[in-house]
C-alpha atoms as a PDB file:
ATOM      1  CA  MET A   1      -7.161  -1.031   7.858  1.00  0.00           C
ATOM      2  CA  ALA A   2      -5.933  -0.998  11.516  1.00  0.00           C
ATOM      3  CA  PRO A   3      -2.478   0.512  12.257  1.00  0.00           C
ATOM      4  CA  ILE A   4       0.474  -1.765  11.807  1.00  0.00           C
ATOM      5  CA  PRO A   5       3.846  -1.580  13.504  1.00  0.00           C
ATOM      6  CA  LEU A   6       7.209  -0.705  11.885  1.00  0.00           C
ATOM      7  CA  SER A   7       9.496  -3.729  11.956  1.00  0.00           C
ATOM      8  CA  PRO A   8      12.956  -4.381  13.356  1.00  0.00           C
ATOM      9  CA  ALA A   9      15.931  -4.895  11.068  1.00  0.00           C
ATOM     10  CA  LEU A  10      16.315  -8.277   9.293  1.00  0.00           C
ATOM     11  CA  SER A  11      19.284 -10.468   9.766  1.00  0.00           C
ATOM     12  CA  VAL A  12      21.479 -10.956   6.742  1.00  0.00           C
ATOM     13  CA  ASP A  13      20.304 -14.614   6.557  1.00  0.00           C
ATOM     14  CA  ASP A  14      16.663 -13.668   6.556  1.00  0.00           C
ATOM     15  CA  ALA A  15      17.223 -10.924   4.090  1.00  0.00           C
ATOM     16  CA  ASN A  16      18.841 -13.299   1.563  1.00  0.00           C
ATOM     17  CA  THR A  17      16.249 -16.100   1.964  1.00  0.00           C
ATOM     18  CA  LEU A  18      13.969 -16.365  -1.066  1.00  0.00           C
ATOM     19  CA  LEU A  19      10.361 -16.856   0.153  1.00  0.00           C
ATOM     20  CA  SER A  20       7.940 -19.218  -1.549  1.00  0.00           C
ATOM     21  CA  ALA A  21       5.558 -16.264  -1.557  1.00  0.00           C
ATOM     22  CA  GLU A  22       2.391 -18.445  -2.087  1.00  0.00           C
ATOM     23  CA  ASN A  23       0.308 -15.384  -0.582  1.00  0.00           C
ATOM     24  CA  LEU A  24       1.054 -13.533  -3.861  1.00  0.00           C
ATOM     25  CA  LYS A  25      -1.379 -15.700  -5.838  1.00  0.00           C
ATOM     26  CA  GLY A  26      -4.367 -13.592  -6.784  1.00  0.00           C
ATOM     27  CA  ARG A  27      -2.984 -10.351  -5.566  1.00  0.00           C
ATOM     28  CA  ASN A  28      -2.775  -7.333  -7.851  1.00  0.00           C
ATOM     29  CA  ALA A  29       0.419  -5.415  -8.526  1.00  0.00           C
ATOM     30  CA  LEU A  30       1.353  -2.301 -10.514  1.00  0.00           C
ATOM     31  CA  ILE A  31       5.129  -1.807 -11.421  1.00  0.00           C
ATOM     32  CA  THR A  32       6.469   1.429 -12.885  1.00  0.00           C
ATOM     33  CA  GLY A  33       9.425   1.063 -14.959  1.00  0.00           C
ATOM     34  CA  GLY A  34       8.216  -2.364 -15.898  1.00  0.00           C
ATOM     35  CA  ALA A  35       9.253  -2.622 -19.525  1.00  0.00           C
ATOM     36  CA  SER A  36      12.789  -3.701 -19.023  1.00  0.00           C
ATOM     37  CA  GLY A  37      15.509  -4.304 -16.432  1.00  0.00           C
ATOM     38  CA  LEU A  38      14.833  -4.599 -12.781  1.00  0.00           C
ATOM     39  CA  GLY A  39      11.140  -3.665 -13.072  1.00  0.00           C
ATOM     40  CA  LEU A  40      10.451  -6.371 -15.609  1.00  0.00           C
ATOM     41  CA  ALA A  41      12.343  -8.862 -13.523  1.00  0.00           C
ATOM     42  CA  ILE A  42      10.211  -8.080 -10.496  1.00  0.00           C
ATOM     43  CA  GLY A  43       7.006  -8.014 -12.505  1.00  0.00           C
ATOM     44  CA  THR A  44       7.840 -11.491 -14.056  1.00  0.00           C
ATOM     45  CA  ALA A  45       8.534 -12.938 -10.551  1.00  0.00           C
ATOM     46  CA  TYR A  46       5.287 -11.638  -9.208  1.00  0.00           C
ATOM     47  CA  ALA A  47       3.412 -13.048 -12.168  1.00  0.00           C
ATOM     48  CA  GLU A  48       5.044 -16.351 -11.853  1.00  0.00           C
ATOM     49  CA  LYS A  49       3.871 -16.476  -8.289  1.00  0.00           C
ATOM     50  CA  GLY A  50       0.304 -16.046  -9.451  1.00  0.00           C
ATOM     51  CA  ALA A  51      -0.228 -12.286  -9.161  1.00  0.00           C
ATOM     52  CA  TYR A  52      -2.014 -10.025 -11.569  1.00  0.00           C
ATOM     53  CA  VAL A  53       0.639  -7.620 -12.888  1.00  0.00           C
ATOM     54  CA  THR A  54       0.421  -4.289 -14.629  1.00  0.00           C
ATOM     55  CA  LEU A  55       3.712  -3.189 -16.205  1.00  0.00           C
ATOM     56  CA  VAL A  56       3.797   0.614 -16.557  1.00  0.00           C
ATOM     57  CA  ASP A  57       6.539   2.265 -18.689  1.00  0.00           C
ATOM     58  CA  ILE A  58       7.209   4.906 -21.271  1.00  0.00           C
ATOM     59  CA  ASN A  59       8.895   2.391 -23.445  1.00  0.00           C
ATOM     60  CA  GLU A  60       5.947   1.048 -25.356  1.00  0.00           C
ATOM     61  CA  GLU A  61       7.713  -1.274 -27.798  1.00  0.00           C
ATOM     62  CA  ASP A  62       9.523  -3.267 -25.181  1.00  0.00           C
ATOM     63  CA  GLY A  63       6.626  -3.182 -22.765  1.00  0.00           C
ATOM     64  CA  LYS A  64       4.159  -4.650 -25.106  1.00  0.00           C
ATOM     65  CA  ARG A  65       6.677  -7.204 -26.354  1.00  0.00           C
ATOM     66  CA  HIS A  66       7.534  -8.537 -22.893  1.00  0.00           C
ATOM     67  CA  ALA A  67       3.945  -8.471 -21.714  1.00  0.00           C
ATOM     68  CA  ALA A  68       2.849 -10.498 -24.736  1.00  0.00           C
ATOM     69  CA  GLY A  69       5.644 -13.054 -24.039  1.00  0.00           C
ATOM     70  CA  LEU A  70       4.518 -13.375 -20.407  1.00  0.00           C
ATOM     71  CA  GLN A  71       0.792 -13.588 -21.496  1.00  0.00           C
ATOM     72  CA  ALA A  72       1.796 -16.538 -23.869  1.00  0.00           C
ATOM     73  CA  LYS A  73       3.104 -18.366 -20.816  1.00  0.00           C
ATOM     74  CA  GLY A  74      -0.371 -18.012 -19.268  1.00  0.00           C
ATOM     75  CA  LEU A  75       0.559 -15.268 -16.749  1.00  0.00           C
ATOM     76  CA  LYS A  76      -1.729 -12.565 -15.932  1.00  0.00           C
ATOM     77  CA  VAL A  77       0.041  -9.485 -17.130  1.00  0.00           C
ATOM     78  CA  GLN A  78      -0.751  -6.340 -19.144  1.00  0.00           C
ATOM     79  CA  PHE A  79       1.227  -3.299 -20.164  1.00  0.00           C
ATOM     80  CA  ILE A  80       0.189   0.308 -20.016  1.00  0.00           C
ATOM     81  CA  THR A  81       2.115   3.109 -21.753  1.00  0.00           C
ATOM     82  CA  THR A  82       2.819   5.764 -19.258  1.00  0.00           C
ATOM     83  CA  ASP A  83       4.999   8.727 -18.676  1.00  0.00           C
ATOM     84  CA  VAL A  84       5.453   8.784 -14.855  1.00  0.00           C
ATOM     85  CA  ARG A  85       6.232  12.567 -14.978  1.00  0.00           C
ATOM     86  CA  SER A  86       2.505  13.051 -15.793  1.00  0.00           C
ATOM     87  CA  TRP A  87       0.042  12.798 -12.874  1.00  0.00           C
ATOM     88  CA  GLU A  88      -2.726  12.202 -15.252  1.00  0.00           C
ATOM     89  CA  ALA A  89      -0.991   9.398 -17.022  1.00  0.00           C
ATOM     90  CA  GLN A  90      -0.274   7.677 -13.763  1.00  0.00           C
ATOM     91  CA  VAL A  91      -3.899   8.057 -12.677  1.00  0.00           C
ATOM     92  CA  ALA A  92      -4.956   6.345 -15.841  1.00  0.00           C
ATOM     93  CA  ALA A  93      -2.433   3.547 -15.322  1.00  0.00           C
ATOM     94  CA  PHE A  94      -3.649   2.862 -11.701  1.00  0.00           C
ATOM     95  CA  LYS A  95      -7.269   2.722 -12.944  1.00  0.00           C
ATOM     96  CA  ALA A  96      -6.249   0.278 -15.642  1.00  0.00           C
ATOM     97  CA  ALA A  97      -4.444  -1.990 -13.075  1.00  0.00           C
ATOM     98  CA  ILE A  98      -7.512  -1.922 -10.893  1.00  0.00           C
ATOM     99  CA  LYS A  99      -9.855  -2.785 -13.702  1.00  0.00           C
ATOM    100  CA  PHE A 100      -7.556  -5.702 -14.565  1.00  0.00           C
ATOM    101  CA  HIS A 101      -8.209  -7.431 -11.209  1.00  0.00           C
ATOM    102  CA  PRO A 102     -11.482  -9.418 -10.671  1.00  0.00           C
ATOM    103  CA  ARG A 103     -12.149  -7.632  -7.343  1.00  0.00           C
ATOM    104  CA  ARG A 104     -11.134  -4.291  -8.531  1.00  0.00           C
ATOM    105  CA  THR A 105      -8.516  -3.909  -5.986  1.00  0.00           C
ATOM    106  CA  LEU A 106      -4.853  -2.977  -5.723  1.00  0.00           C
ATOM    107  CA  ASP A 107      -2.492  -4.710  -3.388  1.00  0.00           C
ATOM    108  CA  ILE A 108       1.113  -4.059  -4.309  1.00  0.00           C
ATOM    109  CA  VAL A 109       2.853  -1.057  -6.008  1.00  0.00           C
ATOM    110  CA  VAL A 110       6.558  -0.938  -7.076  1.00  0.00           C
ATOM    111  CA  GLY A 111       7.921   2.482  -7.871  1.00  0.00           C
ATOM    112  CA  GLY A 112      10.729   1.483 -10.265  1.00  0.00           C
ATOM    113  CA  ALA A 113      10.718   3.942 -12.944  1.00  0.00           C
ATOM    114  CA  GLY A 114      14.067   5.645 -13.014  1.00  0.00           C
ATOM    115  CA  THR A 115      16.600   7.449 -15.281  1.00  0.00           C
ATOM    116  CA  PHE A 116      20.205   8.519 -15.079  1.00  0.00           C
ATOM    117  CA  SER A 117      21.322  12.175 -15.387  1.00  0.00           C
ATOM    118  CA  GLU A 118      24.045  13.955 -17.107  1.00  0.00           C
ATOM    119  CA  MET A 119      27.147  14.783 -15.076  1.00  0.00           C
ATOM    120  CA  PHE A 120      27.061  17.933 -13.178  1.00  0.00           C
ATOM    121  CA  LEU A 121      30.335  18.857 -14.755  1.00  0.00           C
ATOM    122  CA  GLN A 122      31.745  17.966 -18.100  1.00  0.00           C
ATOM    123  CA  PRO A 123      35.543  17.718 -18.701  1.00  0.00           C
ATOM    124  CA  ASP A 124      35.194  20.116 -21.625  1.00  0.00           C
ATOM    125  CA  GLU A 125      32.798  22.340 -20.151  1.00  0.00           C
ATOM    126  CA  PRO A 126      33.208  25.908 -21.543  1.00  0.00           C
ATOM    127  CA  ALA A 127      33.613  28.736 -19.061  1.00  0.00           C
ATOM    128  CA  ILE A 128      31.369  31.746 -19.108  1.00  0.00           C
ATOM    129  CA  THR A 129      33.226  34.664 -20.348  1.00  0.00           C
ATOM    130  CA  SER A 130      30.467  37.129 -21.234  1.00  0.00           C
ATOM    131  CA  LEU A 131      27.211  38.167 -20.032  1.00  0.00           C
ATOM    132  CA  ASP A 132      26.019  38.332 -23.660  1.00  0.00           C
ATOM    133  CA  VAL A 133      25.729  34.539 -23.775  1.00  0.00           C
ATOM    134  CA  ASP A 134      23.274  32.660 -21.494  1.00  0.00           C
ATOM    135  CA  PRO A 135      24.407  29.150 -20.293  1.00  0.00           C
ATOM    136  CA  PRO A 136      22.171  26.364 -21.287  1.00  0.00           C
ATOM    137  CA  LYS A 137      19.523  25.050 -18.892  1.00  0.00           C
ATOM    138  CA  PRO A 138      20.491  21.611 -17.602  1.00  0.00           C
ATOM    139  CA  PRO A 139      18.127  18.782 -17.862  1.00  0.00           C
ATOM    140  CA  THR A 140      15.880  17.833 -15.097  1.00  0.00           C
ATOM    141  CA  ASP A 141      14.757  14.375 -16.117  1.00  0.00           C
ATOM    142  CA  ALA A 142      16.290  12.683 -13.101  1.00  0.00           C
ATOM    143  CA  TRP A 143      14.398  14.759 -10.669  1.00  0.00           C
ATOM    144  CA  ASP A 144      11.216  14.698 -12.718  1.00  0.00           C
ATOM    145  CA  VAL A 145      11.241  10.903 -13.021  1.00  0.00           C
ATOM    146  CA  ASN A 146      13.170   9.543  -9.961  1.00  0.00           C
ATOM    147  CA  ALA A 147      11.733  12.044  -7.374  1.00  0.00           C
ATOM    148  CA  ILE A 148       8.595  13.765  -8.611  1.00  0.00           C
ATOM    149  CA  GLY A 149       7.225  10.761 -10.582  1.00  0.00           C
ATOM    150  CA  LEU A 150       7.987   8.492  -7.575  1.00  0.00           C
ATOM    151  CA  ALA A 151       6.160  10.927  -5.320  1.00  0.00           C
ATOM    152  CA  PHE A 152       3.135  10.757  -7.635  1.00  0.00           C
ATOM    153  CA  THR A 153       3.407   6.933  -7.549  1.00  0.00           C
ATOM    154  CA  ALA A 154       3.434   6.799  -3.761  1.00  0.00           C
ATOM    155  CA  LYS A 155       0.419   9.131  -3.344  1.00  0.00           C
ATOM    156  CA  LEU A 156      -1.599   7.171  -5.798  1.00  0.00           C
ATOM    157  CA  ALA A 157      -0.707   3.962  -4.107  1.00  0.00           C
ATOM    158  CA  GLN A 158      -1.991   5.274  -0.854  1.00  0.00           C
ATOM    159  CA  LEU A 159      -5.250   6.539  -2.400  1.00  0.00           C
ATOM    160  CA  TYR A 160      -6.081   3.430  -4.359  1.00  0.00           C
ATOM    161  CA  PHE A 161      -4.964   1.020  -1.585  1.00  0.00           C
ATOM    162  CA  GLU A 162      -7.796   2.608   0.437  1.00  0.00           C
ATOM    163  CA  MET A 163     -10.497   2.229  -2.320  1.00  0.00           C
ATOM    164  CA  PRO A 164     -12.971  -0.474  -1.292  1.00  0.00           C
ATOM    165  CA  ALA A 165     -12.767  -3.716  -3.369  1.00  0.00           C
ATOM    166  CA  SER A 166     -15.599  -4.988  -5.376  1.00  0.00           C
ATOM    167  CA  ALA A 167     -17.798  -7.660  -3.609  1.00  0.00           C
ATOM    168  CA  SER A 168     -18.827  -9.231  -6.899  1.00  0.00           C
ATOM    169  CA  ALA A 169     -15.863 -11.545  -7.588  1.00  0.00           C
ATOM    170  CA  THR A 170     -16.191 -15.130  -6.623  1.00  0.00           C
ATOM    171  CA  GLU A 171     -13.525 -17.082  -4.568  1.00  0.00           C
ATOM    172  CA  GLU A 172     -12.422 -18.695  -7.744  1.00  0.00           C
ATOM    173  CA  GLU A 173     -12.160 -15.423  -9.684  1.00  0.00           C
ATOM    174  CA  GLY A 174     -10.350 -13.725  -6.838  1.00  0.00           C
ATOM    175  CA  GLU A 175      -8.097 -16.798  -6.273  1.00  0.00           C
ATOM    176  CA  GLY A 176      -8.303 -16.794  -2.499  1.00  0.00           C
ATOM    177  CA  ALA A 177      -9.269 -13.100  -2.265  1.00  0.00           C
ATOM    178  CA  PRO A 178     -11.228 -13.458   0.949  1.00  0.00           C
ATOM    179  CA  SER A 179      -8.270 -14.869   2.915  1.00  0.00           C
ATOM    180  CA  GLN A 180      -6.054 -11.966   1.515  1.00  0.00           C
ATOM    181  CA  GLN A 181      -8.312  -9.094   2.254  1.00  0.00           C
ATOM    182  CA  GLY A 182      -6.687  -8.492   5.581  1.00  0.00           C
ATOM    183  CA  GLN A 183      -3.105  -8.422   4.428  1.00  0.00           C
ATOM    184  CA  PRO A 184      -1.573  -5.038   4.479  1.00  0.00           C
ATOM    185  CA  LYS A 185      -1.078  -3.401   1.030  1.00  0.00           C
ATOM    186  CA  SER A 186       2.624  -2.971   0.025  1.00  0.00           C
ATOM    187  CA  LEU A 187       4.576  -0.139  -1.582  1.00  0.00           C
ATOM    188  CA  LEU A 188       8.179  -0.647  -2.631  1.00  0.00           C
ATOM    189  CA  LEU A 189      10.352   2.265  -3.533  1.00  0.00           C
ATOM    190  CA  ILE A 190      13.324   1.605  -5.690  1.00  0.00           C
ATOM    191  CA  ALA A 191      16.163   3.967  -4.889  1.00  0.00           C
ATOM    192  CA  SER A 192      19.796   3.331  -5.385  1.00  0.00           C
ATOM    193  CA  LEU A 193      22.818   2.893  -3.160  1.00  0.00           C
ATOM    194  CA  ALA A 194      23.687   6.359  -4.553  1.00  0.00           C
ATOM    195  CA  ALA A 195      21.218   7.661  -2.008  1.00  0.00           C
ATOM    196  CA  TYR A 196      23.543   6.417   0.742  1.00  0.00           C
ATOM    197  CA  PHE A 197      27.039   7.516  -0.522  1.00  0.00           C
ATOM    198  CA  ASP A 198      28.259  10.384  -2.566  1.00  0.00           C
ATOM    199  CA  ILE A 199      28.875  10.463  -6.278  1.00  0.00           C
ATOM    200  CA  PRO A 200      29.503  14.244  -6.788  1.00  0.00           C
ATOM    201  CA  LEU A 201      29.707  14.297 -10.605  1.00  0.00           C
ATOM    202  CA  MET A 202      26.280  12.457 -10.705  1.00  0.00           C
ATOM    203  CA  ALA A 203      24.729  15.130  -8.361  1.00  0.00           C
ATOM    204  CA  ALA A 204      21.316  15.189 -10.118  1.00  0.00           C
ATOM    205  CA  TYR A 205      21.005  11.427 -10.157  1.00  0.00           C
ATOM    206  CA  THR A 206      22.133  10.964  -6.439  1.00  0.00           C
ATOM    207  CA  SER A 207      19.954  13.887  -5.199  1.00  0.00           C
ATOM    208  CA  SER A 208      16.960  12.523  -7.035  1.00  0.00           C
ATOM    209  CA  LYS A 209      17.522   9.056  -5.373  1.00  0.00           C
ATOM    210  CA  TYR A 210      17.819  10.828  -1.943  1.00  0.00           C
ATOM    211  CA  GLY A 211      14.281  11.781  -2.707  1.00  0.00           C
ATOM    212  CA  ALA A 212      13.241   8.228  -2.760  1.00  0.00           C
ATOM    213  CA  ARG A 213      14.948   7.668   0.523  1.00  0.00           C
ATOM    214  CA  GLY A 214      13.247  10.726   2.045  1.00  0.00           C
ATOM    215  CA  LEU A 215       9.877   9.379   0.905  1.00  0.00           C
ATOM    216  CA  LEU A 216      10.561   6.055   2.790  1.00  0.00           C
ATOM    217  CA  ARG A 217      11.643   7.956   5.982  1.00  0.00           C
ATOM    218  CA  ASN A 218       8.625  10.147   6.009  1.00  0.00           C
ATOM    219  CA  LEU A 219       5.902   7.891   4.616  1.00  0.00           C
ATOM    220  CA  ARG A 220       6.508   4.937   6.812  1.00  0.00           C
ATOM    221  CA  PRO A 221       4.808   6.372   9.888  1.00  0.00           C
ATOM    222  CA  ILE A 222       2.037   7.686   7.733  1.00  0.00           C
ATOM    223  CA  PHE A 223       1.464   4.267   5.838  1.00  0.00           C
ATOM    224  CA  ALA A 224       1.802   2.240   9.065  1.00  0.00           C
ATOM    225  CA  ALA A 225      -0.941   4.298  10.819  1.00  0.00           C
ATOM    226  CA  ARG A 226      -3.201   3.606   7.823  1.00  0.00           C
ATOM    227  CA  GLY A 227      -2.501  -0.137   7.716  1.00  0.00           C
ATOM    228  CA  HIS A 228      -0.246  -0.161   4.714  1.00  0.00           C
ATOM    229  CA  ARG A 229       3.467  -1.228   4.423  1.00  0.00           C
ATOM    230  CA  VAL A 230       6.345   0.764   2.599  1.00  0.00           C
ATOM    231  CA  ASN A 231       9.867  -0.458   2.156  1.00  0.00           C
ATOM    232  CA  LEU A 232      12.818   0.548  -0.088  1.00  0.00           C
ATOM    233  CA  MET A 233      15.285  -1.201  -2.184  1.00  0.00           C
ATOM    234  CA  ALA A 234      18.759   0.359  -2.866  1.00  0.00           C
ATOM    235  CA  PRO A 235      20.689  -1.529  -5.545  1.00  0.00           C
ATOM    236  CA  TRP A 236      24.270  -1.303  -6.437  1.00  0.00           C
ATOM    237  CA  ILE A 237      24.522  -0.892 -10.270  1.00  0.00           C
ATOM    238  CA  ILE A 238      22.909  -3.796 -12.078  1.00  0.00           C
ATOM    239  CA  PRO A 239      23.429  -4.715 -15.760  1.00  0.00           C
ATOM    240  CA  THR A 240      20.424  -3.437 -17.645  1.00  0.00           C
ATOM    241  CA  ALA A 241      19.871  -1.554 -20.889  1.00  0.00           C
ATOM    242  CA  MET A 242      20.031   1.739 -18.956  1.00  0.00           C
ATOM    243  CA  THR A 243      23.482   0.974 -17.516  1.00  0.00           C
ATOM    244  CA  VAL A 244      25.263  -0.359 -20.606  1.00  0.00           C
ATOM    245  CA  GLU A 245      27.786   2.337 -20.929  1.00  0.00           C
ATOM    246  CA  TRP A 246      28.409   2.615 -17.181  1.00  0.00           C
ATOM    247  CA  MET A 247      28.916  -1.193 -17.045  1.00  0.00           C
ATOM    248  CA  LYS A 248      31.691  -0.903 -19.667  1.00  0.00           C
ATOM    249  CA  MET A 249      33.637   1.347 -17.233  1.00  0.00           C
ATOM    250  CA  PHE A 250      32.905  -0.767 -14.245  1.00  0.00           C
ATOM    251  CA  ARG A 251      34.221  -3.836 -15.920  1.00  0.00           C
ATOM    252  CA  ALA A 252      37.307  -1.893 -17.341  1.00  0.00           C
ATOM    253  CA  VAL A 253      38.380  -1.007 -13.742  1.00  0.00           C
ATOM    254  CA  GLY A 254      37.391  -4.326 -12.135  1.00  0.00           C
ATOM    255  CA  ALA A 255      34.569  -2.839 -10.165  1.00  0.00           C
ATOM    256  CA  PRO A 256      31.786  -5.171  -8.928  1.00  0.00           C
ATOM    257  CA  GLU A 257      28.391  -5.267 -10.572  1.00  0.00           C
ATOM    258  CA  GLY A 258      25.076  -5.851  -8.856  1.00  0.00           C
ATOM    259  CA  ASN A 259      22.998  -9.088  -9.022  1.00  0.00           C
ATOM    260  CA  ILE A 260      19.387  -8.821 -10.354  1.00  0.00           C
ATOM    261  CA  GLY A 261      18.452 -11.984  -8.824  1.00  0.00           C
ATOM    262  CA  GLN A 262      19.130 -10.679  -5.300  1.00  0.00           C
ATOM    263  CA  ALA A 263      17.101  -7.606  -6.098  1.00  0.00           C
ATOM    264  CA  VAL A 264      14.120  -9.850  -7.124  1.00  0.00           C
ATOM    265  CA  THR A 265      14.687 -11.801  -3.779  1.00  0.00           C
ATOM    266  CA  ALA A 266      14.233  -8.607  -1.870  1.00  0.00           C
ATOM    267  CA  ALA A 267      11.220  -7.515  -3.907  1.00  0.00           C
ATOM    268  CA  ILE A 268       9.547 -10.691  -3.245  1.00  0.00           C
ATOM    269  CA  ARG A 269      10.262 -10.382   0.467  1.00  0.00           C
ATOM    270  CA  CYS A 270       8.869  -6.836   0.535  1.00  0.00           C
ATOM    271  CA  ALA A 271       5.592  -7.905  -1.222  1.00  0.00           C
ATOM    272  CA  ALA A 272       4.970 -11.223   0.551  1.00  0.00           C
ATOM    273  CA  ASP A 273       6.083 -10.837   4.088  1.00  0.00           C
ATOM    274  CA  PRO A 274       3.551  -8.840   6.034  1.00  0.00           C
ATOM    275  CA  GLY A 275       5.944  -8.441   8.859  1.00  0.00           C
ATOM    276  CA  VAL A 276       8.418  -6.346   6.980  1.00  0.00           C
ATOM    277  CA  ASN A 277       7.604  -2.688   7.166  1.00  0.00           C
ATOM    278  CA  GLY A 278       9.599   0.508   6.963  1.00  0.00           C
ATOM    279  CA  ARG A 279      12.877  -1.083   6.077  1.00  0.00           C
ATOM    280  CA  ALA A 280      15.545  -0.275   3.473  1.00  0.00           C
ATOM    281  CA  PHE A 281      17.561  -2.896   1.826  1.00  0.00           C
ATOM    282  CA  CYS A 282      21.031  -2.715   0.239  1.00  0.00           C
ATOM    283  CA  ILE A 283      21.299  -4.841  -2.813  1.00  0.00           C
ATOM    284  CA  GLY A 284      24.948  -5.449  -3.154  1.00  0.00           C
ATOM    285  CA  PRO A 285      27.077  -7.348  -5.481  1.00  0.00           C
ATOM    286  CA  HIS A 286      27.232 -10.381  -3.072  1.00  0.00           C
ATOM    287  CA  ARG A 287      24.429 -10.099  -0.618  1.00  0.00           C
ATOM    288  CA  ILE A 288      21.274  -8.288   0.687  1.00  0.00           C
ATOM    289  CA  ARG A 289      21.611  -6.269   3.805  1.00  0.00           C
ATOM    290  CA  ASP A 290      19.096  -4.482   5.851  1.00  0.00           C
ATOM    291  CA  LEU A 291      20.420  -0.839   5.764  1.00  0.00           C
ATOM    292  CA  GLU A 292      19.148  -0.006   9.201  1.00  0.00           C
ATOM    293  CA  ASP A 293      18.053   3.419   7.884  1.00  0.00           C
ATOM    294  CA  ASP A 294      16.767   4.499  11.243  1.00  0.00           C
ATOM    295  CA  PRO A 295      18.159   6.129  14.472  1.00  0.00           C
ATOM    296  CA  LYS A 296      19.234   2.769  15.973  1.00  0.00           C
ATOM    297  CA  GLY A 297      21.325   2.015  12.781  1.00  0.00           C
ATOM    298  CA  LEU A 298      22.653   5.517  12.589  1.00  0.00           C
ATOM    299  CA  ASN A 299      20.510   6.141   9.661  1.00  0.00           C
ATOM    300  CA  GLY A 300      22.220   3.574   7.573  1.00  0.00           C
ATOM    301  CA  GLY A 301      25.677   4.794   8.373  1.00  0.00           C
ATOM    302  CA  LYS A 302      26.882   1.627  10.180  1.00  0.00           C
ATOM    303  CA  VAL A 303      25.807  -0.679   7.515  1.00  0.00           C
ATOM    304  CA  MET A 304      27.145   1.469   4.744  1.00  0.00           C
ATOM    305  CA  ASN A 305      30.572   1.600   6.443  1.00  0.00           C
ATOM    306  CA  GLU A 306      30.533  -2.199   6.430  1.00  0.00           C
ATOM    307  CA  PHE A 307      29.225  -2.311   2.861  1.00  0.00           C
ATOM    308  CA  LEU A 308      31.929   0.058   1.485  1.00  0.00           C
ATOM    309  CA  SER A 309      34.914  -1.741   3.404  1.00  0.00           C
ATOM    310  CA  GLN A 310      33.779  -5.298   2.791  1.00  0.00           C
ATOM    311  CA  ASP A 311      31.468  -5.668  -0.194  1.00  0.00           C
ATOM    312  CA  VAL A 312      32.992  -3.140  -2.446  1.00  0.00           C
ATOM    313  CA  ALA A 313      36.549  -2.829  -1.006  1.00  0.00           C
ATOM    314  CA  GLY A 314      38.632  -0.849  -3.525  1.00  0.00           C
ATOM    315  CA  TRP A 315      35.740   1.301  -4.798  1.00  0.00           C
ATOM    316  CA  ALA A 316      37.476   4.606  -4.063  1.00  0.00           C
ATOM    317  CA  GLU A 317      40.453   3.808  -6.338  1.00  0.00           C
ATOM    318  CA  GLN A 318      38.061   2.255  -9.007  1.00  0.00           C
ATOM    319  CA  GLU A 319      36.013   5.462  -9.018  1.00  0.00           C
ATOM    320  CA  LYS A 320      39.165   7.563  -9.532  1.00  0.00           C
ATOM    321  CA  ARG A 321      40.176   5.422 -12.550  1.00  0.00           C
ATOM    322  CA  MET A 322      36.621   5.721 -14.125  1.00  0.00           C
ATOM    323  CA  LEU A 323      36.865   9.489 -13.708  1.00  0.00           C
ATOM    324  CA  ALA A 324      40.243   9.381 -15.569  1.00  0.00           C
ATOM    325  CA  MET A 325      38.642   7.406 -18.209  1.00  0.00           C
ATOM    326  CA  MET A 326      35.966  10.134 -18.769  1.00  0.00           C
ATOM    327  CA  GLY A 327      38.641  12.845 -18.998  1.00  0.00           C
ATOM    328  CA  PHE A 328      38.723  14.289 -15.649  1.00  0.00           C
ATOM    329  CA  PRO A 329      42.116  14.926 -13.876  1.00  0.00           C
ATOM    330  CA  GLU A 330      42.758  13.497 -10.487  1.00  0.00           C
END
């Protein structure tokens, strides 16, 4: 593929416009974290637009159940059980996704697998009083999944985006494949708004999501030079199975919650709009914003100041109240 340019920031109106995305028909997508929550919602939306979709997740029970439900609707969906912390497991998932498509090609990858971390401090954390007792090793799941696993996904996307497609599929089998061969391939990294402002007690989670942000900033010139697109989505907390306990606290203090429909709108834009490249999108409670995570936008600082003062006004006080609920003194 010939090099493609990075794109300028989208207006708020453009970012919040849901595309018809007719060009997703016949394309092939792989989505990690696809068994539930945001990954499943994105995979469902792509499949409803006519894409071939491979849902990838460690949660085999939910993944198979949801894939079967989508297949029963006539959608082209499969599920592959995968632990994204394993390079070998991800390689197998990517191969399965490519074999699922008539032209043996891969067009879209969404790195959506994620997990929370334990808090860096616990309110009842015992002090070390003797060298005779070693402290327990903290878990590393957040970094292993959110950063290392995502880095594996990004590298495999680049490699398999560049694998030649099969020439044996017919126009009908490929559902318009010849007209789509020139479209840039698309990688979407799912981070979190925690990568754009500090949550000290969730240091492992927030720093792992900084890894996703770092991937965007460093991969976008590489991908663009090779003719591929890469974008990032940073949602505010969205009600899912993973966020149940956190949502209870958010609701108790009156904090806003994210909108999964807006996240899907952004994911469709990133997959279907060939002119969007190198952008990061804030998925807030009320609207989507281009974060302007580039030097012109002060690396996201300008938009985040607006977001914190306008979209989640009162967050600082709400965060203090949640910390008190968890047993931390002010």
